[in-house]
Amino acid sequence: MNTESIRDQLLARRAELEALREGSGESRAPVQLDQQSVGRLSRMDAMQQQAMAEATEAQRARELAEIRAALTRIEQDDYGYCEDCGTEIPEKRLLLYPAIRYCVACQESRE
């Protein structure tokens, strides 16, 4: 398996997520509670959008953590092995999601 190309994929995805993270700061800003400037329904809509932006940011943070862990495994020559049982993860699975940590059996037992 060519871990160099997988490493490049992980680095590209990390850069993409970090750029998205920087651009979404405004949508996670606190919502104004002044009813004089914003109507009640508009404020509720803004709060809902803020909550969705925060959830999206939490997902990005989880994916960034998975990418950092995968890059560490590549550096330590531990990449491509299940973190639970130690079996080799099939290359097709790794290519589908390069930051994957578990084989199919162990992933299914976690769900």
N, C-alpha and C. Protein backbone atom coordinates (compact mmCIF):
# COMPACT_ATOMS: atom_id res chain seq x y z
N MET A 1 0.84 -1.17 0.00
CA MET A 1 0.00 0.00 0.00
C MET A 1 0.89 1.24 0.00
N ASN A 2 0.45 2.25 -0.74
CA ASN A 2 1.21 3.49 -0.85
C ASN A 2 0.71 4.47 0.21
N THR A 3 1.36 4.48 1.37
CA THR A 3 0.92 5.37 2.44
C THR A 3 1.22 6.83 2.11
N GLU A 4 2.15 7.08 1.21
CA GLU A 4 2.45 8.47 0.84
C GLU A 4 1.25 9.13 0.17
N SER A 5 0.57 8.43 -0.72
CA SER A 5 -0.61 9.02 -1.37
C SER A 5 -1.76 9.18 -0.38
N ILE A 6 -1.89 8.24 0.55
CA ILE A 6 -2.92 8.36 1.58
C ILE A 6 -2.59 9.53 2.49
N ARG A 7 -1.33 9.69 2.83
CA ARG A 7 -0.90 10.83 3.64
C ARG A 7 -1.25 12.14 2.94
N ASP A 8 -1.02 12.21 1.63
CA ASP A 8 -1.36 13.41 0.86
C ASP A 8 -2.86 13.68 0.89
N GLN A 9 -3.67 12.63 0.78
CA GLN A 9 -5.12 12.77 0.86
C GLN A 9 -5.54 13.32 2.22
N LEU A 10 -4.95 12.77 3.27
CA LEU A 10 -5.27 13.22 4.62
C LEU A 10 -4.89 14.68 4.83
N LEU A 11 -3.73 15.06 4.34
CA LEU A 11 -3.28 16.45 4.47
C LEU A 11 -4.19 17.40 3.70
N ALA A 12 -4.62 16.99 2.51
CA ALA A 12 -5.51 17.82 1.70
C ALA A 12 -6.86 17.99 2.40
N ARG A 13 -7.39 16.91 2.96
CA ARG A 13 -8.67 16.99 3.66
C ARG A 13 -8.55 17.85 4.90
N ARG A 14 -7.42 17.73 5.61
CA ARG A 14 -7.20 18.56 6.79
C ARG A 14 -7.20 20.04 6.42
N ALA A 15 -6.51 20.39 5.34
CA ALA A 15 -6.46 21.78 4.89
C ALA A 15 -7.87 22.28 4.51
N GLU A 16 -8.64 21.42 3.86
CA GLU A 16 -10.01 21.78 3.48
C GLU A 16 -10.87 22.04 4.71
N LEU A 17 -10.78 21.16 5.70
CA LEU A 17 -11.57 21.32 6.91
C LEU A 17 -11.17 22.56 7.69
N GLU A 18 -9.87 22.83 7.75
CA GLU A 18 -9.41 24.02 8.47
C GLU A 18 -9.87 25.29 7.78
N ALA A 19 -9.90 25.30 6.44
CA ALA A 19 -10.39 26.46 5.70
C ALA A 19 -11.89 26.66 5.96
N LEU A 20 -12.65 25.57 5.96
CA LEU A 20 -14.08 25.66 6.25
C LEU A 20 -14.31 26.17 7.67
N ARG A 21 -13.48 25.71 8.58
CA ARG A 21 -13.59 26.11 9.98
C ARG A 21 -13.38 27.62 10.13
N GLU A 22 -12.39 28.14 9.45
CA GLU A 22 -12.11 29.57 9.51
C GLU A 22 -13.24 30.40 8.92
N GLY A 23 -13.85 29.90 7.85
CA GLY A 23 -14.91 30.64 7.19
C GLY A 23 -16.25 30.57 7.87
N SER A 24 -16.42 29.69 8.84
CA SER A 24 -17.74 29.51 9.45
C SER A 24 -17.87 30.17 10.81
N GLY A 25 -16.87 30.90 11.23
CA GLY A 25 -16.90 31.52 12.56
C GLY A 25 -18.07 32.45 12.77
N GLU A 26 -18.43 33.21 11.76
CA GLU A 26 -19.52 34.17 11.89
C GLU A 26 -20.87 33.48 12.12
N SER A 27 -21.09 32.34 11.48
CA SER A 27 -22.38 31.66 11.62
C SER A 27 -22.55 31.02 12.99
N ARG A 28 -21.45 30.89 13.75
CA ARG A 28 -21.53 30.34 15.10
C ARG A 28 -21.56 31.42 16.17
N ALA A 29 -21.54 32.69 15.75
CA ALA A 29 -21.54 33.80 16.69
C ALA A 29 -22.86 33.85 17.46
N PRO A 30 -22.83 34.37 18.68
CA PRO A 30 -24.07 34.48 19.45
C PRO A 30 -25.13 35.30 18.73
N VAL A 31 -26.38 34.91 18.91
CA VAL A 31 -27.51 35.56 18.27
C VAL A 31 -27.95 36.74 19.13
N GLN A 32 -28.20 37.88 18.48
CA GLN A 32 -28.70 39.07 19.19
C GLN A 32 -30.06 38.78 19.78
N LEU A 33 -30.30 39.19 21.01
CA LEU A 33 -31.59 38.97 21.64
C LEU A 33 -32.46 40.23 21.64
N ASP A 34 -32.05 41.25 20.95
CA ASP A 34 -32.80 42.50 20.88
C ASP A 34 -33.97 42.35 19.92
N GLN A 35 -35.22 42.31 20.45
CA GLN A 35 -36.39 42.13 19.59
C GLN A 35 -36.72 43.38 18.79
N GLN A 36 -36.13 44.50 19.13
CA GLN A 36 -36.36 45.72 18.38
C GLN A 36 -35.72 45.65 17.00
N SER A 37 -34.55 45.03 16.92
CA SER A 37 -33.85 44.97 15.63
C SER A 37 -34.17 43.71 14.85
N VAL A 38 -34.56 42.63 15.53
CA VAL A 38 -34.85 41.35 14.87
C VAL A 38 -36.15 40.80 15.44
N GLY A 39 -37.05 40.40 14.58
CA GLY A 39 -38.31 39.82 15.03
C GLY A 39 -38.10 38.48 15.70
N ARG A 40 -39.11 38.02 16.44
CA ARG A 40 -39.02 36.77 17.19
C ARG A 40 -38.73 35.58 16.28
N LEU A 41 -39.47 35.47 15.18
CA LEU A 41 -39.26 34.33 14.27
C LEU A 41 -37.90 34.40 13.60
N SER A 42 -37.47 35.59 13.24
CA SER A 42 -36.15 35.74 12.62
C SER A 42 -35.06 35.35 13.61
N ARG A 43 -35.25 35.72 14.88
CA ARG A 43 -34.27 35.37 15.90
C ARG A 43 -34.24 33.86 16.12
N MET A 44 -35.43 33.23 16.12
CA MET A 44 -35.48 31.77 16.29
C MET A 44 -34.81 31.07 15.12
N ASP A 45 -35.02 31.59 13.93
CA ASP A 45 -34.36 31.04 12.75
C ASP A 45 -32.85 31.19 12.85
N ALA A 46 -32.41 32.35 13.31
CA ALA A 46 -30.97 32.58 13.47
C ALA A 46 -30.38 31.64 14.51
N MET A 47 -31.13 31.40 15.59
CA MET A 47 -30.65 30.48 16.63
C MET A 47 -30.57 29.05 16.10
N GLN A 48 -31.54 28.66 15.27
CA GLN A 48 -31.50 27.33 14.67
C GLN A 48 -30.30 27.20 13.74
N GLN A 49 -30.05 28.22 12.94
CA GLN A 49 -28.90 28.19 12.04
C GLN A 49 -27.60 28.14 12.84
N GLN A 50 -27.55 28.87 13.95
CA GLN A 50 -26.37 28.84 14.81
C GLN A 50 -26.14 27.43 15.36
N ALA A 51 -27.21 26.78 15.82
CA ALA A 51 -27.09 25.42 16.36
C ALA A 51 -26.60 24.45 15.29
N MET A 52 -27.10 24.60 14.07
CA MET A 52 -26.65 23.72 12.98
C MET A 52 -25.18 23.98 12.67
N ALA A 53 -24.77 25.25 12.70
CA ALA A 53 -23.36 25.57 12.43
C ALA A 53 -22.47 25.00 13.53
N GLU A 54 -22.93 25.04 14.77
CA GLU A 54 -22.15 24.47 15.87
C GLU A 54 -22.04 22.95 15.73
N ALA A 55 -23.10 22.29 15.32
CA ALA A 55 -23.06 20.84 15.11
C ALA A 55 -22.11 20.48 13.97
N THR A 56 -22.14 21.26 12.91
CA THR A 56 -21.23 21.03 11.79
C THR A 56 -19.79 21.22 12.24
N GLU A 57 -19.55 22.22 13.06
CA GLU A 57 -18.20 22.47 13.56
C GLU A 57 -17.72 21.33 14.45
N ALA A 58 -18.62 20.78 15.25
CA ALA A 58 -18.25 19.65 16.10
C ALA A 58 -17.87 18.44 15.25
N GLN A 59 -18.60 18.22 14.16
CA GLN A 59 -18.28 17.12 13.24
C GLN A 59 -16.91 17.36 12.59
N ARG A 60 -16.64 18.59 12.20
CA ARG A 60 -15.32 18.91 11.61
C ARG A 60 -14.21 18.65 12.62
N ALA A 61 -14.44 19.02 13.87
CA ALA A 61 -13.43 18.81 14.91
C ALA A 61 -13.15 17.32 15.10
N ARG A 62 -14.21 16.50 15.07
CA ARG A 62 -14.01 15.05 15.19
C ARG A 62 -13.21 14.50 14.01
N GLU A 63 -13.55 14.96 12.80
CA GLU A 63 -12.83 14.48 11.62
C GLU A 63 -11.38 14.93 11.64
N LEU A 64 -11.12 16.16 12.09
CA LEU A 64 -9.74 16.63 12.19
C LEU A 64 -8.95 15.78 13.19
N ALA A 65 -9.58 15.41 14.30
CA ALA A 65 -8.91 14.54 15.28
C ALA A 65 -8.60 13.18 14.68
N GLU A 66 -9.53 12.63 13.89
CA GLU A 66 -9.29 11.34 13.23
C GLU A 66 -8.15 11.45 12.22
N ILE A 67 -8.09 12.56 11.51
CA ILE A 67 -7.02 12.76 10.53
C ILE A 67 -5.67 12.87 11.24
N ARG A 68 -5.62 13.63 12.35
CA ARG A 68 -4.36 13.74 13.10
C ARG A 68 -3.91 12.37 13.59
N ALA A 69 -4.85 11.57 14.08
CA ALA A 69 -4.51 10.23 14.57
C ALA A 69 -4.00 9.35 13.42
N ALA A 70 -4.63 9.44 12.27
CA ALA A 70 -4.18 8.64 11.11
C ALA A 70 -2.78 9.06 10.66
N LEU A 71 -2.51 10.35 10.65
CA LEU A 71 -1.18 10.84 10.28
C LEU A 71 -0.12 10.35 11.27
N THR A 72 -0.48 10.32 12.53
CA THR A 72 0.44 9.80 13.56
C THR A 72 0.70 8.32 13.33
N ARG A 73 -0.35 7.55 13.00
CA ARG A 73 -0.16 6.12 12.73
C ARG A 73 0.74 5.90 11.52
N ILE A 74 0.61 6.76 10.50
CA ILE A 74 1.48 6.64 9.32
C ILE A 74 2.93 6.88 9.73
N GLU A 75 3.17 7.93 10.53
CA GLU A 75 4.53 8.25 10.97
C GLU A 75 5.13 7.13 11.80
N GLN A 76 4.31 6.43 12.56
CA GLN A 76 4.78 5.37 13.45
C GLN A 76 4.73 3.98 12.81
N ASP A 77 4.43 3.93 11.53
CA ASP A 77 4.30 2.67 10.79
C ASP A 77 3.25 1.73 11.39
N ASP A 78 2.21 2.30 11.98
CA ASP A 78 1.10 1.52 12.51
C ASP A 78 -0.15 1.67 11.66
N TYR A 79 -0.04 2.36 10.55
CA TYR A 79 -1.21 2.65 9.73
C TYR A 79 -1.68 1.39 9.00
N GLY A 80 -3.00 1.22 8.93
CA GLY A 80 -3.57 0.12 8.19
C GLY A 80 -3.93 -1.08 9.03
N TYR A 81 -3.80 -0.94 10.35
CA TYR A 81 -4.14 -2.04 11.26
C TYR A 81 -5.23 -1.59 12.21
N CYS A 82 -6.16 -2.48 12.49
CA CYS A 82 -7.27 -2.20 13.38
C CYS A 82 -6.75 -1.87 14.78
N GLU A 83 -7.28 -0.81 15.37
CA GLU A 83 -6.85 -0.41 16.71
C GLU A 83 -7.37 -1.34 17.79
N ASP A 84 -8.42 -2.10 17.50
CA ASP A 84 -8.96 -3.02 18.51
C ASP A 84 -8.30 -4.40 18.44
N CYS A 85 -8.35 -5.02 17.26
CA CYS A 85 -7.89 -6.41 17.17
C CYS A 85 -6.52 -6.56 16.50
N GLY A 86 -6.03 -5.51 15.85
CA GLY A 86 -4.71 -5.56 15.25
C GLY A 86 -4.64 -6.18 13.86
N THR A 87 -5.78 -6.63 13.33
CA THR A 87 -5.75 -7.21 11.98
C THR A 87 -5.56 -6.11 10.94
N GLU A 88 -5.07 -6.51 9.79
CA GLU A 88 -4.85 -5.56 8.72
C GLU A 88 -6.19 -5.13 8.12
N ILE A 89 -6.35 -3.83 7.94
CA ILE A 89 -7.57 -3.29 7.34
C ILE A 89 -7.39 -3.36 5.83
N PRO A 90 -8.39 -3.89 5.10
CA PRO A 90 -8.27 -4.00 3.64
C PRO A 90 -7.99 -2.63 2.99
N GLU A 91 -7.16 -2.65 1.96
CA GLU A 91 -6.76 -1.42 1.29
C GLU A 91 -7.96 -0.66 0.73
N LYS A 92 -8.95 -1.37 0.21
CA LYS A 92 -10.14 -0.69 -0.33
C LYS A 92 -10.85 0.11 0.75
N ARG A 93 -10.90 -0.44 1.95
CA ARG A 93 -11.53 0.27 3.08
C ARG A 93 -10.73 1.52 3.44
N LEU A 94 -9.42 1.40 3.43
CA LEU A 94 -8.56 2.54 3.73
C LEU A 94 -8.67 3.63 2.67
N LEU A 95 -8.78 3.21 1.42
CA LEU A 95 -8.91 4.18 0.34
C LEU A 95 -10.26 4.90 0.39
N LEU A 96 -11.28 4.20 0.84
CA LEU A 96 -12.61 4.79 0.96
C LEU A 96 -12.63 5.86 2.04
N TYR A 97 -12.02 5.57 3.17
CA TYR A 97 -11.92 6.54 4.27
C TYR A 97 -10.55 6.38 4.92
N PRO A 98 -9.59 7.18 4.49
CA PRO A 98 -8.20 7.01 4.94
C PRO A 98 -7.97 7.13 6.44
N ALA A 99 -8.86 7.77 7.17
CA ALA A 99 -8.67 7.93 8.61
C ALA A 99 -9.32 6.81 9.42
N ILE A 100 -9.81 5.78 8.75
CA ILE A 100 -10.50 4.67 9.42
C ILE A 100 -9.56 4.01 10.43
N ARG A 101 -10.13 3.62 11.58
CA ARG A 101 -9.31 3.06 12.65
C ARG A 101 -9.59 1.59 12.92
N TYR A 102 -10.71 1.09 12.39
CA TYR A 102 -11.13 -0.26 12.75
C TYR A 102 -11.45 -1.10 11.53
N CYS A 103 -11.28 -2.41 11.67
CA CYS A 103 -11.72 -3.34 10.64
C CYS A 103 -13.24 -3.39 10.67
N VAL A 104 -13.84 -4.04 9.71
CA VAL A 104 -15.31 -4.09 9.62
C VAL A 104 -15.91 -4.72 10.86
N ALA A 105 -15.37 -5.84 11.30
CA ALA A 105 -15.94 -6.55 12.45
C ALA A 105 -15.90 -5.70 13.71
N CYS A 106 -14.79 -5.05 13.96
CA CYS A 106 -14.67 -4.23 15.17
C CYS A 106 -15.53 -2.96 15.06
N GLN A 107 -15.63 -2.40 13.88
CA GLN A 107 -16.49 -1.23 13.67
C GLN A 107 -17.95 -1.58 13.94
N GLU A 108 -18.38 -2.74 13.45
CA GLU A 108 -19.76 -3.17 13.66
C GLU A 108 -20.05 -3.43 15.13
N SER A 109 -19.06 -3.94 15.86
CA SER A 109 -19.28 -4.21 17.29
C SER A 109 -19.35 -2.91 18.10
N ARG A 110 -18.84 -1.82 17.55
CA ARG A 110 -18.87 -0.52 18.25
C ARG A 110 -20.20 0.20 18.02
N GLU A 111 -20.95 -0.19 17.00
CA GLU A 111 -22.20 0.51 16.68
C GLU A 111 -23.38 -0.03 17.41
